Amino acid sequence: MARVCEICGKQPAHGRNVSHSNRKTSRVWNPNLQRTRAVVNGVVRRIRVCTRCIRSGRVTKVA
């Protein structure tokens, strides 16, 4: 299962940690995904959504 938001398509971002001595190691920033029950096209489904989409109201959650 991919770490991708089903609403906005947000996915892991890659970059590097840089220490004080300027050594570099690769790292990943994963999106904060939650499995929520939401109404999609009139049908209740479980979808993986990032917290920004939930907070901004792009998802109609089911109680």
C-alpha atoms as a PDB file:
ATOM      1  CA  MET A   1       0.000   0.000   0.000  1.00  0.00           C
ATOM      2  CA  ALA A   2       1.557   3.288  -1.086  1.00  0.00           C
ATOM      3  CA  ARG A   3       2.063   6.195   1.283  1.00  0.00           C
ATOM      4  CA  VAL A   4       0.000   8.574  -0.840  1.00  0.00           C
ATOM      5  CA  CYS A   5      -2.956  10.774   0.127  1.00  0.00           C
ATOM      6  CA  GLU A   6      -5.979   9.757  -1.946  1.00  0.00           C
ATOM      7  CA  ILE A   7      -7.284  13.343  -2.086  1.00  0.00           C
ATOM      8  CA  CYS A   8      -4.307  15.588  -2.854  1.00  0.00           C
ATOM      9  CA  GLY A   9      -1.698  13.001  -3.908  1.00  0.00           C
ATOM     10  CA  LYS A  10       0.844  14.018  -1.278  1.00  0.00           C
ATOM     11  CA  GLN A  11       3.646  11.429  -1.045  1.00  0.00           C
ATOM     12  CA  PRO A  12       7.010  10.977   0.699  1.00  0.00           C
ATOM     13  CA  ALA A  13       9.599  13.699   0.106  1.00  0.00           C
ATOM     14  CA  HIS A  14      13.300  12.840  -0.030  1.00  0.00           C
ATOM     15  CA  GLY A  15      16.176  14.924   1.215  1.00  0.00           C
ATOM     16  CA  ARG A  16      19.255  14.856   3.387  1.00  0.00           C
ATOM     17  CA  ASN A  17      20.131  15.311   7.028  1.00  0.00           C
ATOM     18  CA  VAL A  18      23.137  17.606   7.309  1.00  0.00           C
ATOM     19  CA  SER A  19      25.062  17.414  10.584  1.00  0.00           C
ATOM     20  CA  HIS A  20      27.057  20.158  12.245  1.00  0.00           C
ATOM     21  CA  SER A  21      30.200  18.652  10.721  1.00  0.00           C
ATOM     22  CA  ASN A  22      28.454  18.791   7.312  1.00  0.00           C
ATOM     23  CA  ARG A  23      28.114  15.008   6.933  1.00  0.00           C
ATOM     24  CA  LYS A  24      25.101  14.095   4.801  1.00  0.00           C
ATOM     25  CA  THR A  25      22.746  11.132   5.160  1.00  0.00           C
ATOM     26  CA  SER A  26      19.611  10.577   3.148  1.00  0.00           C
ATOM     27  CA  ARG A  27      16.219  10.652   4.840  1.00  0.00           C
ATOM     28  CA  VAL A  28      12.509  10.663   4.019  1.00  0.00           C
ATOM     29  CA  TRP A  29       9.671  12.910   5.164  1.00  0.00           C
ATOM     30  CA  ASN A  30       6.481  10.845   5.134  1.00  0.00           C
ATOM     31  CA  PRO A  31       3.076  12.546   4.999  1.00  0.00           C
ATOM     32  CA  ASN A  32       0.860  12.210   8.075  1.00  0.00           C
ATOM     33  CA  LEU A  33      -1.747   9.817   6.663  1.00  0.00           C
ATOM     34  CA  GLN A  34      -4.828   8.637   8.552  1.00  0.00           C
ATOM     35  CA  ARG A  35      -7.256   5.883   7.567  1.00  0.00           C
ATOM     36  CA  THR A  36     -10.689   7.476   7.766  1.00  0.00           C
ATOM     37  CA  ARG A  37     -14.193   6.550   6.752  1.00  0.00           C
ATOM     38  CA  ALA A  38     -15.345   9.184   4.302  1.00  0.00           C
ATOM     39  CA  VAL A  39     -18.113   9.756   1.775  1.00  0.00           C
ATOM     40  CA  VAL A  40     -16.724   9.427  -1.756  1.00  0.00           C
ATOM     41  CA  ASN A  41     -19.213   9.823  -4.635  1.00  0.00           C
ATOM     42  CA  GLY A  42     -22.105   9.097  -2.286  1.00  0.00           C
ATOM     43  CA  VAL A  43     -20.546   5.867  -0.987  1.00  0.00           C
ATOM     44  CA  VAL A  44     -18.852   5.392   2.392  1.00  0.00           C
ATOM     45  CA  ARG A  45     -15.280   4.172   1.894  1.00  0.00           C
ATOM     46  CA  ARG A  46     -12.132   3.791   3.974  1.00  0.00           C
ATOM     47  CA  ILE A  47      -9.474   6.016   2.455  1.00  0.00           C
ATOM     48  CA  ARG A  48      -5.983   7.120   3.416  1.00  0.00           C
ATOM     49  CA  VAL A  49      -5.975  10.899   3.736  1.00  0.00           C
ATOM     50  CA  CYS A  50      -3.365  13.366   4.969  1.00  0.00           C
ATOM     51  CA  THR A  51      -4.230  15.448   8.006  1.00  0.00           C
ATOM     52  CA  ARG A  52      -4.116  18.679   6.022  1.00  0.00           C
ATOM     53  CA  CYS A  53      -6.984  17.479   3.792  1.00  0.00           C
ATOM     54  CA  ILE A  54      -8.984  16.447   6.865  1.00  0.00           C
ATOM     55  CA  ARG A  55      -8.360  19.767   8.592  1.00  0.00           C
ATOM     56  CA  SER A  56      -9.179  21.891   5.538  1.00  0.00           C
ATOM     57  CA  GLY A  57     -12.535  20.152   5.040  1.00  0.00           C
ATOM     58  CA  ARG A  58     -11.735  18.425   1.738  1.00  0.00           C
ATOM     59  CA  VAL A  59     -13.012  15.177   3.283  1.00  0.00           C
ATOM     60  CA  THR A  60     -16.576  14.621   4.519  1.00  0.00           C
ATOM     61  CA  LYS A  61     -16.037  12.246   7.426  1.00  0.00           C
ATOM     62  CA  VAL A  62     -18.634   9.743   8.603  1.00  0.00           C
ATOM     63  CA  ALA A  63     -19.479   9.826  12.316  1.00  0.00           C
END
